[in-house]
Amino acid sequence: MPAIYPSTALKNRQREIKGLADTQVVYITENGHGKYVFTSERVLERTIQDAVDEALYEERLRQALSESRDDFANGRFYSSREDLAAAVERERASHA
């Protein structure tokens, strides 16, 4: 569950908020609405890297799905493990 504090807590509960910000993003509200985020540089860098990693993973997955749909549409698929194993053997033999 995310840490959420009103902006007044920055004055009254500064040590607590800083302690949390060392390990996670802390959300600061004004008048009951989200307004700011507070976190350490280390957590910010990790959060950004996690978002980049996730976006790259999603792009690789999208590309793989696109390629597999294209393969299927163009008849490049195998209906059994035996057919696949035979195709692998033929491919290996052609590169030997």
PDB file of N, CA and C in Angstrom:
ATOM      1  N   MET A   1       0.854  -1.179   0.000  1.00  0.00           N
ATOM      2  CA  MET A   1       0.000   0.000   0.000  1.00  0.00           C
ATOM      3  C   MET A   1       0.896   1.237   0.000  1.00  0.00           C
ATOM      4  N   PRO A   2       0.605   2.187  -0.871  1.00  0.00           N
ATOM      5  CA  PRO A   2       1.470   3.367  -0.942  1.00  0.00           C
ATOM      6  C   PRO A   2       1.330   4.253   0.289  1.00  0.00           C
ATOM      7  N   ALA A   3       2.437   4.927   0.614  1.00  0.00           N
ATOM      8  CA  ALA A   3       2.431   5.882   1.724  1.00  0.00           C
ATOM      9  C   ALA A   3       1.849   7.200   1.213  1.00  0.00           C
ATOM     10  N   ILE A   4       0.790   7.665   1.878  1.00  0.00           N
ATOM     11  CA  ILE A   4       0.122   8.905   1.473  1.00  0.00           C
ATOM     12  C   ILE A   4       0.003   9.804   2.708  1.00  0.00           C
ATOM     13  N   TYR A   5       0.476  11.043   2.564  1.00  0.00           N
ATOM     14  CA  TYR A   5       0.448  11.993   3.675  1.00  0.00           C
ATOM     15  C   TYR A   5      -0.067  13.335   3.180  1.00  0.00           C
ATOM     16  N   PRO A   6      -0.752  14.081   4.062  1.00  0.00           N
ATOM     17  CA  PRO A   6      -1.120  15.447   3.704  1.00  0.00           C
ATOM     18  C   PRO A   6       0.129  16.329   3.741  1.00  0.00           C
ATOM     19  N   SER A   7       0.102  17.434   3.026  1.00  0.00           N
ATOM     20  CA  SER A   7       1.278  18.313   2.966  1.00  0.00           C
ATOM     21  C   SER A   7       1.686  18.825   4.352  1.00  0.00           C
ATOM     22  N   THR A   8       0.752  18.931   5.265  1.00  0.00           N
ATOM     23  CA  THR A   8       1.101  19.395   6.622  1.00  0.00           C
ATOM     24  C   THR A   8       2.019  18.406   7.342  1.00  0.00           C
ATOM     25  N   ALA A   9       1.998  17.156   6.947  1.00  0.00           N
ATOM     26  CA  ALA A   9       2.860  16.156   7.582  1.00  0.00           C
ATOM     27  C   ALA A   9       4.327  16.395   7.279  1.00  0.00           C
ATOM     28  N   LEU A  10       4.622  17.140   6.212  1.00  0.00           N
ATOM     29  CA  LEU A  10       6.020  17.447   5.910  1.00  0.00           C
ATOM     30  C   LEU A  10       6.664  18.243   7.045  1.00  0.00           C
ATOM     31  N   LYS A  11       5.855  18.974   7.763  1.00  0.00           N
ATOM     32  CA  LYS A  11       6.372  19.741   8.899  1.00  0.00           C
ATOM     33  C   LYS A  11       6.319  18.917  10.184  1.00  0.00           C
ATOM     34  N   ASN A  12       5.214  18.232  10.416  1.00  0.00           N
ATOM     35  CA  ASN A  12       4.990  17.541  11.682  1.00  0.00           C
ATOM     36  C   ASN A  12       5.595  16.140  11.754  1.00  0.00           C
ATOM     37  N   ARG A  13       5.748  15.478  10.627  1.00  0.00           N
ATOM     38  CA  ARG A  13       6.200  14.075  10.634  1.00  0.00           C
ATOM     39  C   ARG A  13       7.367  13.872   9.668  1.00  0.00           C
ATOM     40  N   GLN A  14       8.239  14.859   9.631  1.00  0.00           N
ATOM     41  CA  GLN A  14       9.335  14.873   8.669  1.00  0.00           C
ATOM     42  C   GLN A  14      10.225  13.632   8.755  1.00  0.00           C
ATOM     43  N   ARG A  15      10.623  13.217   9.946  1.00  0.00           N
ATOM     44  CA  ARG A  15      11.507  12.058  10.115  1.00  0.00           C
ATOM     45  C   ARG A  15      10.842  10.781   9.574  1.00  0.00           C
ATOM     46  N   GLU A  16       9.567  10.611   9.879  1.00  0.00           N
ATOM     47  CA  GLU A  16       8.825   9.437   9.414  1.00  0.00           C
ATOM     48  C   GLU A  16       8.747   9.403   7.883  1.00  0.00           C
ATOM     49  N   ILE A  17       8.433  10.545   7.297  1.00  0.00           N
ATOM     50  CA  ILE A  17       8.308  10.627   5.844  1.00  0.00           C
ATOM     51  C   ILE A  17       9.652  10.381   5.171  1.00  0.00           C
ATOM     52  N   LYS A  18      10.722  10.974   5.714  1.00  0.00           N
ATOM     53  CA  LYS A  18      12.048  10.747   5.147  1.00  0.00           C
ATOM     54  C   LYS A  18      12.453   9.284   5.254  1.00  0.00           C
ATOM     55  N   GLY A  19      12.120   8.664   6.370  1.00  0.00           N
ATOM     56  CA  GLY A  19      12.430   7.243   6.541  1.00  0.00           C
ATOM     57  C   GLY A  19      11.742   6.385   5.496  1.00  0.00           C
ATOM     58  N   LEU A  20      10.487   6.657   5.241  1.00  0.00           N
ATOM     59  CA  LEU A  20       9.751   5.922   4.212  1.00  0.00           C
ATOM     60  C   LEU A  20      10.297   6.221   2.822  1.00  0.00           C
ATOM     61  N   ALA A  21      10.658   7.477   2.589  1.00  0.00           N
ATOM     62  CA  ALA A  21      11.151   7.886   1.271  1.00  0.00           C
ATOM     63  C   ALA A  21      12.477   7.209   0.919  1.00  0.00           C
ATOM     64  N   ASP A  22      13.177   6.685   1.923  1.00  0.00           N
ATOM     65  CA  ASP A  22      14.412   5.942   1.648  1.00  0.00           C
ATOM     66  C   ASP A  22      14.130   4.578   1.039  1.00  0.00           C
ATOM     67  N   THR A  23      12.886   4.103   1.143  1.00  0.00           N
ATOM     68  CA  THR A  23      12.567   2.768   0.635  1.00  0.00           C
ATOM     69  C   THR A  23      11.420   2.743  -0.373  1.00  0.00           C
ATOM     70  N   GLN A  24      10.661   3.830  -0.482  1.00  0.00           N
ATOM     71  CA  GLN A  24       9.522   3.847  -1.396  1.00  0.00           C
ATOM     72  C   GLN A  24       9.139   5.268  -1.759  1.00  0.00           C
ATOM     73  N   VAL A  25       8.251   5.376  -2.713  1.00  0.00           N
ATOM     74  CA  VAL A  25       7.709   6.680  -3.101  1.00  0.00           C
ATOM     75  C   VAL A  25       6.631   7.057  -2.091  1.00  0.00           C
ATOM     76  N   VAL A  26       6.691   8.293  -1.611  1.00  0.00           N
ATOM     77  CA  VAL A  26       5.700   8.808  -0.666  1.00  0.00           C
ATOM     78  C   VAL A  26       4.860   9.858  -1.409  1.00  0.00           C
ATOM     79  N   TYR A  27       3.555   9.709  -1.334  1.00  0.00           N
ATOM     80  CA  TYR A  27       2.646  10.627  -2.019  1.00  0.00           C
ATOM     81  C   TYR A  27       2.173  11.696  -1.042  1.00  0.00           C
ATOM     82  N   ILE A  28       2.233  12.954  -1.487  1.00  0.00           N
ATOM     83  CA  ILE A  28       1.828  14.092  -0.659  1.00  0.00           C
ATOM     84  C   ILE A  28       0.568  14.709  -1.277  1.00  0.00           C
ATOM     85  N   THR A  29      -0.427  14.909  -0.440  1.00  0.00           N
ATOM     86  CA  THR A  29      -1.689  15.477  -0.912  1.00  0.00           C
ATOM     87  C   THR A  29      -1.862  16.912  -0.422  1.00  0.00           C
ATOM     88  N   GLU A  30      -2.678  17.645  -1.150  1.00  0.00           N
ATOM     89  CA  GLU A  30      -3.122  18.974  -0.716  1.00  0.00           C
ATOM     90  C   GLU A  30      -4.625  19.015  -0.901  1.00  0.00           C
ATOM     91  N   ASN A  31      -5.327  19.384   0.137  1.00  0.00           N
ATOM     92  CA  ASN A  31      -6.793  19.451   0.105  1.00  0.00           C
ATOM     93  C   ASN A  31      -7.407  18.124  -0.338  1.00  0.00           C
ATOM     94  N   GLY A  32      -6.783  17.022   0.067  1.00  0.00           N
ATOM     95  CA  GLY A  32      -7.315  15.696  -0.208  1.00  0.00           C
ATOM     96  C   GLY A  32      -7.058  15.165  -1.607  1.00  0.00           C
ATOM     97  N   HIS A  33      -6.271  15.900  -2.399  1.00  0.00           N
ATOM     98  CA  HIS A  33      -5.976  15.478  -3.773  1.00  0.00           C
ATOM     99  C   HIS A  33      -4.477  15.269  -3.923  1.00  0.00           C
ATOM    100  N   GLY A  34      -4.105  14.286  -4.740  1.00  0.00           N
ATOM    101  CA  GLY A  34      -2.695  14.037  -4.997  1.00  0.00           C
ATOM    102  C   GLY A  34      -2.024  15.264  -5.585  1.00  0.00           C
ATOM    103  N   LYS A  35      -0.852  15.595  -5.067  1.00  0.00           N
ATOM    104  CA  LYS A  35      -0.180  16.814  -5.527  1.00  0.00           C
ATOM    105  C   LYS A  35       1.308  16.584  -5.822  1.00  0.00           C
ATOM    106  N   TYR A  36       2.016  15.874  -4.914  1.00  0.00           N
ATOM    107  CA  TYR A  36       3.459  15.711  -5.045  1.00  0.00           C
ATOM    108  C   TYR A  36       3.863  14.269  -4.725  1.00  0.00           C
ATOM    109  N   VAL A  37       5.090  13.942  -5.137  1.00  0.00           N
ATOM    110  CA  VAL A  37       5.705  12.692  -4.703  1.00  0.00           C
ATOM    111  C   VAL A  37       7.053  13.044  -4.084  1.00  0.00           C
ATOM    112  N   PHE A  38       7.452  12.248  -3.101  1.00  0.00           N
ATOM    113  CA  PHE A  38       8.696  12.492  -2.371  1.00  0.00           C
ATOM    114  C   PHE A  38       9.403  11.159  -2.220  1.00  0.00           C
ATOM    115  N   THR A  39      10.680  11.123  -2.600  1.00  0.00           N
ATOM    116  CA  THR A  39      11.434   9.880  -2.477  1.00  0.00           C
ATOM    117  C   THR A  39      12.924  10.173  -2.549  1.00  0.00           C
ATOM    118  N   SER A  40      13.718   9.179  -2.191  1.00  0.00           N
ATOM    119  CA  SER A  40      15.169   9.339  -2.289  1.00  0.00           C
ATOM    120  C   SER A  40      15.598   9.187  -3.745  1.00  0.00           C
ATOM    121  N   GLU A  41      16.797   9.676  -4.047  1.00  0.00           N
ATOM    122  CA  GLU A  41      17.308   9.537  -5.415  1.00  0.00           C
ATOM    123  C   GLU A  41      17.467   8.068  -5.789  1.00  0.00           C
ATOM    124  N   ARG A  42      17.892   7.245  -4.850  1.00  0.00           N
ATOM    125  CA  ARG A  42      18.085   5.813  -5.110  1.00  0.00           C
ATOM    126  C   ARG A  42      16.758   5.160  -5.489  1.00  0.00           C
ATOM    127  N   VAL A  43      15.703   5.460  -4.748  1.00  0.00           N
ATOM    128  CA  VAL A  43      14.383   4.886  -5.046  1.00  0.00           C
ATOM    129  C   VAL A  43      13.872   5.423  -6.374  1.00  0.00           C
ATOM    130  N   LEU A  44      14.105   6.699  -6.655  1.00  0.00           N
ATOM    131  CA  LEU A  44      13.682   7.280  -7.932  1.00  0.00           C
ATOM    132  C   LEU A  44      14.386   6.574  -9.087  1.00  0.00           C
ATOM    133  N   GLU A  45      15.701   6.383  -8.986  1.00  0.00           N
ATOM    134  CA  GLU A  45      16.453   5.700 -10.039  1.00  0.00           C
ATOM    135  C   GLU A  45      15.945   4.270 -10.229  1.00  0.00           C
ATOM    136  N   ARG A  46      15.691   3.560  -9.115  1.00  0.00           N
ATOM    137  CA  ARG A  46      15.182   2.191  -9.199  1.00  0.00           C
ATOM    138  C   ARG A  46      13.788   2.170  -9.839  1.00  0.00           C
ATOM    139  N   THR A  47      12.945   3.118  -9.473  1.00  0.00           N
ATOM    140  CA  THR A  47      11.590   3.198 -10.023  1.00  0.00           C
ATOM    141  C   THR A  47      11.628   3.458 -11.529  1.00  0.00           C
ATOM    142  N   ILE A  48      12.508   4.357 -11.947  1.00  0.00           N
ATOM    143  CA  ILE A  48      12.647   4.648 -13.371  1.00  0.00           C
ATOM    144  C   ILE A  48      13.183   3.425 -14.104  1.00  0.00           C
ATOM    145  N   GLN A  49      14.212   2.770 -13.544  1.00  0.00           N
ATOM    146  CA  GLN A  49      14.778   1.587 -14.196  1.00  0.00           C
ATOM    147  C   GLN A  49      13.754   0.462 -14.292  1.00  0.00           C
ATOM    148  N   ASP A  50      12.954   0.285 -13.244  1.00  0.00           N
ATOM    149  CA  ASP A  50      11.893  -0.727 -13.286  1.00  0.00           C
ATOM    150  C   ASP A  50      10.896  -0.424 -14.401  1.00  0.00           C
ATOM    151  N   ALA A  51      10.542   0.851 -14.560  1.00  0.00           N
ATOM    152  CA  ALA A  51       9.598   1.239 -15.615  1.00  0.00           C
ATOM    153  C   ALA A  51      10.202   1.006 -16.998  1.00  0.00           C
ATOM    154  N   VAL A  52      11.487   1.321 -17.162  1.00  0.00           N
ATOM    155  CA  VAL A  52      12.162   1.078 -18.439  1.00  0.00           C
ATOM    156  C   VAL A  52      12.204  -0.415 -18.731  1.00  0.00           C
ATOM    157  N   ASP A  53      12.599  -1.217 -17.724  1.00  0.00           N
ATOM    158  CA  ASP A  53      12.666  -2.666 -17.907  1.00  0.00           C
ATOM    159  C   ASP A  53      11.305  -3.241 -18.300  1.00  0.00           C
ATOM    160  N   GLU A  54      10.253  -2.773 -17.654  1.00  0.00           N
ATOM    161  CA  GLU A  54       8.913  -3.258 -17.957  1.00  0.00           C
ATOM    162  C   GLU A  54       8.495  -2.866 -19.377  1.00  0.00           C
ATOM    163  N   ALA A  55       8.805  -1.629 -19.776  1.00  0.00           N
ATOM    164  CA  ALA A  55       8.460  -1.186 -21.129  1.00  0.00           C
ATOM    165  C   ALA A  55       9.224  -1.998 -22.174  1.00  0.00           C
ATOM    166  N   LEU A  56      10.502  -2.279 -21.917  1.00  0.00           N
ATOM    167  CA  LEU A  56      11.283  -3.087 -22.857  1.00  0.00           C
ATOM    168  C   LEU A  56      10.739  -4.506 -22.944  1.00  0.00           C
ATOM    169  N   TYR A  57      10.370  -5.073 -21.795  1.00  0.00           N
ATOM    170  CA  TYR A  57       9.792  -6.413 -21.776  1.00  0.00           C
ATOM    171  C   TYR A  57       8.488  -6.439 -22.575  1.00  0.00           C
ATOM    172  N   GLU A  58       7.639  -5.462 -22.364  1.00  0.00           N
ATOM    173  CA  GLU A  58       6.366  -5.408 -23.088  1.00  0.00           C
ATOM    174  C   GLU A  58       6.599  -5.266 -24.586  1.00  0.00           C
ATOM    175  N   GLU A  59       7.600  -4.483 -24.982  1.00  0.00           N
ATOM    176  CA  GLU A  59       7.900  -4.331 -26.407  1.00  0.00           C
ATOM    177  C   GLU A  59       8.415  -5.640 -26.992  1.00  0.00           C
ATOM    178  N   ARG A  60       9.299  -6.347 -26.269  1.00  0.00           N
ATOM    179  CA  ARG A  60       9.786  -7.644 -26.750  1.00  0.00           C
ATOM    180  C   ARG A  60       8.633  -8.636 -26.872  1.00  0.00           C
ATOM    181  N   LEU A  61       7.726  -8.627 -25.914  1.00  0.00           N
ATOM    182  CA  LEU A  61       6.567  -9.511 -25.962  1.00  0.00           C
ATOM    183  C   LEU A  61       5.659  -9.164 -27.141  1.00  0.00           C
ATOM    184  N   ARG A  62       5.423  -7.874 -27.362  1.00  0.00           N
ATOM    185  CA  ARG A  62       4.600  -7.436 -28.488  1.00  0.00           C
ATOM    186  C   ARG A  62       5.226  -7.881 -29.805  1.00  0.00           C
ATOM    187  N   GLN A  63       6.549  -7.720 -29.909  1.00  0.00           N
ATOM    188  CA  GLN A  63       7.244  -8.118 -31.136  1.00  0.00           C
ATOM    189  C   GLN A  63       7.163  -9.634 -31.345  1.00  0.00           C
ATOM    190  N   ALA A  64       7.352 -10.405 -30.281  1.00  0.00           N
ATOM    191  CA  ALA A  64       7.277 -11.865 -30.390  1.00  0.00           C
ATOM    192  C   ALA A  64       5.875 -12.312 -30.814  1.00  0.00           C
ATOM    193  N   LEU A  65       4.852 -11.691 -30.239  1.00  0.00           N
ATOM    194  CA  LEU A  65       3.480 -12.034 -30.616  1.00  0.00           C
ATOM    195  C   LEU A  65       3.207 -11.674 -32.072  1.00  0.00           C
ATOM    196  N   SER A  66       3.698 -10.537 -32.494  1.00  0.00           N
ATOM    197  CA  SER A  66       3.524 -10.118 -33.880  1.00  0.00           C
ATOM    198  C   SER A  66       4.202 -11.100 -34.826  1.00  0.00           C
ATOM    199  N   GLU A  67       5.431 -11.491 -34.494  1.00  0.00           N
ATOM    200  CA  GLU A  67       6.150 -12.451 -35.332  1.00  0.00           C
ATOM    201  C   GLU A  67       5.451 -13.808 -35.349  1.00  0.00           C
ATOM    202  N   SER A  68       4.937 -14.237 -34.202  1.00  0.00           N
ATOM    203  CA  SER A  68       4.267 -15.545 -34.173  1.00  0.00           C
ATOM    204  C   SER A  68       2.972 -15.514 -34.972  1.00  0.00           C
ATOM    205  N   ARG A  69       2.251 -14.417 -34.941  1.00  0.00           N
ATOM    206  CA  ARG A  69       1.027 -14.304 -35.756  1.00  0.00           C
ATOM    207  C   ARG A  69       1.371 -14.338 -37.248  1.00  0.00           C
ATOM    208  N   ASP A  70       2.458 -13.640 -37.594  1.00  0.00           N
ATOM    209  CA  ASP A  70       2.900 -13.637 -38.980  1.00  0.00           C
ATOM    210  C   ASP A  70       3.328 -15.043 -39.409  1.00  0.00           C
ATOM    211  N   ASP A  71       4.080 -15.736 -38.542  1.00  0.00           N
ATOM    212  CA  ASP A  71       4.487 -17.112 -38.852  1.00  0.00           C
ATOM    213  C   ASP A  71       3.263 -17.995 -39.084  1.00  0.00           C
ATOM    214  N   PHE A  72       2.288 -17.912 -38.213  1.00  0.00           N
ATOM    215  CA  PHE A  72       1.087 -18.738 -38.337  1.00  0.00           C
ATOM    216  C   PHE A  72       0.332 -18.403 -39.623  1.00  0.00           C
ATOM    217  N   ALA A  73       0.170 -17.116 -39.893  1.00  0.00           N
ATOM    218  CA  ALA A  73      -0.560 -16.690 -41.084  1.00  0.00           C
ATOM    219  C   ALA A  73       0.126 -17.159 -42.363  1.00  0.00           C
ATOM    220  N   ASN A  74       1.441 -17.302 -42.313  1.00  0.00           N
ATOM    221  CA  ASN A  74       2.200 -17.715 -43.494  1.00  0.00           C
ATOM    222  C   ASN A  74       2.579 -19.191 -43.474  1.00  0.00           C
ATOM    223  N   GLY A  75       1.925 -19.960 -42.611  1.00  0.00           N
ATOM    224  CA  GLY A  75       2.121 -21.404 -42.599  1.00  0.00           C
ATOM    225  C   GLY A  75       3.420 -21.879 -41.979  1.00  0.00           C
ATOM    226  N   ARG A  76       4.093 -21.004 -41.257  1.00  0.00           N
ATOM    227  CA  ARG A  76       5.342 -21.402 -40.603  1.00  0.00           C
ATOM    228  C   ARG A  76       5.039 -21.855 -39.175  1.00  0.00           C
ATOM    229  N   PHE A  77       4.510 -23.075 -39.059  1.00  0.00           N
ATOM    230  CA  PHE A  77       4.213 -23.649 -37.748  1.00  0.00           C
ATOM    231  C   PHE A  77       4.297 -25.163 -37.851  1.00  0.00           C
ATOM    232  N   TYR A  78       4.326 -25.813 -36.711  1.00  0.00           N
ATOM    233  CA  TYR A  78       4.425 -27.270 -36.645  1.00  0.00           C
ATOM    234  C   TYR A  78       3.263 -27.794 -35.831  1.00  0.00           C
ATOM    235  N   SER A  79       2.702 -28.933 -36.293  1.00  0.00           N
ATOM    236  CA  SER A  79       1.551 -29.470 -35.588  1.00  0.00           C
ATOM    237  C   SER A  79       1.901 -30.508 -34.547  1.00  0.00           C
ATOM    238  N   SER A  80       3.173 -30.873 -34.450  1.00  0.00           N
ATOM    239  CA  SER A  80       3.569 -31.848 -33.425  1.00  0.00           C
ATOM    240  C   SER A  80       5.025 -31.616 -33.042  1.00  0.00           C
ATOM    241  N   ARG A  81       5.400 -32.185 -31.917  1.00  0.00           N
ATOM    242  CA  ARG A  81       6.796 -32.098 -31.492  1.00  0.00           C
ATOM    243  C   ARG A  81       7.714 -32.812 -32.474  1.00  0.00           C
ATOM    244  N   GLU A  82       7.228 -33.898 -33.014  1.00  0.00           N
ATOM    245  CA  GLU A  82       8.033 -34.662 -33.970  1.00  0.00           C
ATOM    246  C   GLU A  82       8.337 -33.822 -35.212  1.00  0.00           C
ATOM    247  N   ASP A  83       7.328 -33.095 -35.708  1.00  0.00           N
ATOM    248  CA  ASP A  83       7.539 -32.226 -36.864  1.00  0.00           C
ATOM    249  C   ASP A  83       8.558 -31.136 -36.538  1.00  0.00           C
ATOM    250  N   LEU A  84       8.450 -30.574 -35.358  1.00  0.00           N
ATOM    251  CA  LEU A  84       9.390 -29.541 -34.931  1.00  0.00           C
ATOM    252  C   LEU A  84      10.804 -30.105 -34.834  1.00  0.00           C
ATOM    253  N   ALA A  85      10.953 -31.279 -34.198  1.00  0.00           N
ATOM    254  CA  ALA A  85      12.271 -31.898 -34.053  1.00  0.00           C
ATOM    255  C   ALA A  85      12.885 -32.198 -35.421  1.00  0.00           C
ATOM    256  N   ALA A  86      12.076 -32.655 -36.351  1.00  0.00           N
ATOM    257  CA  ALA A  86      12.572 -32.941 -37.700  1.00  0.00           C
ATOM    258  C   ALA A  86      13.035 -31.655 -38.389  1.00  0.00           C
ATOM    259  N   ALA A  87      12.300 -30.581 -38.218  1.00  0.00           N
ATOM    260  CA  ALA A  87      12.678 -29.304 -38.822  1.00  0.00           C
ATOM    261  C   ALA A  87      13.976 -28.779 -38.222  1.00  0.00           C
ATOM    262  N   VAL A  88      14.145 -28.952 -36.924  1.00  0.00           N
ATOM    263  CA  VAL A  88      15.386 -28.536 -36.265  1.00  0.00           C
ATOM    264  C   VAL A  88      16.556 -29.338 -36.809  1.00  0.00           C
ATOM    265  N   GLU A  89      16.374 -30.614 -36.957  1.00  0.00           N
ATOM    266  CA  GLU A  89      17.436 -31.472 -37.508  1.00  0.00           C
ATOM    267  C   GLU A  89      17.787 -31.070 -38.942  1.00  0.00           C
ATOM    268  N   ARG A  90      16.784 -30.779 -39.753  1.00  0.00           N
ATOM    269  CA  ARG A  90      17.047 -30.342 -41.125  1.00  0.00           C
ATOM    270  C   ARG A  90      17.835 -29.015 -41.134  1.00  0.00           C
ATOM    271  N   GLU A  91      17.453 -28.122 -40.235  1.00  0.00           N
ATOM    272  CA  GLU A  91      18.150 -26.823 -40.143  1.00  0.00           C
ATOM    273  C   GLU A  91      19.600 -27.021 -39.713  1.00  0.00           C
ATOM    274  N   ARG A  92      19.823 -27.856 -38.723  1.00  0.00           N
ATOM    275  CA  ARG A  92      21.192 -28.148 -38.271  1.00  0.00           C
ATOM    276  C   ARG A  92      22.018 -28.763 -39.397  1.00  0.00           C
ATOM    277  N   ALA A  93      21.425 -29.687 -40.098  1.00  0.00           N
ATOM    278  CA  ALA A  93      22.136 -30.379 -41.185  1.00  0.00           C
ATOM    279  C   ALA A  93      22.501 -29.392 -42.299  1.00  0.00           C
ATOM    280  N   SER A  94      21.651 -28.414 -42.554  1.00  0.00           N
ATOM    281  CA  SER A  94      21.934 -27.462 -43.629  1.00  0.00           C
ATOM    282  C   SER A  94      23.072 -26.512 -43.273  1.00  0.00           C
ATOM    283  N   HIS A  95      23.378 -26.372 -41.975  1.00  0.00           N
ATOM    284  CA  HIS A  95      24.465 -25.483 -41.534  1.00  0.00           C
ATOM    285  C   HIS A  95      25.751 -26.250 -41.251  1.00  0.00           C
ATOM    286  N   ALA A  96      25.726 -27.561 -41.395  1.00  0.00           N
ATOM    287  CA  ALA A  96      26.914 -28.366 -41.080  1.00  0.00           C
ATOM    288  C   ALA A  96      27.920 -28.365 -42.197  1.00  0.00           C
TER     289      ALA A  96
END
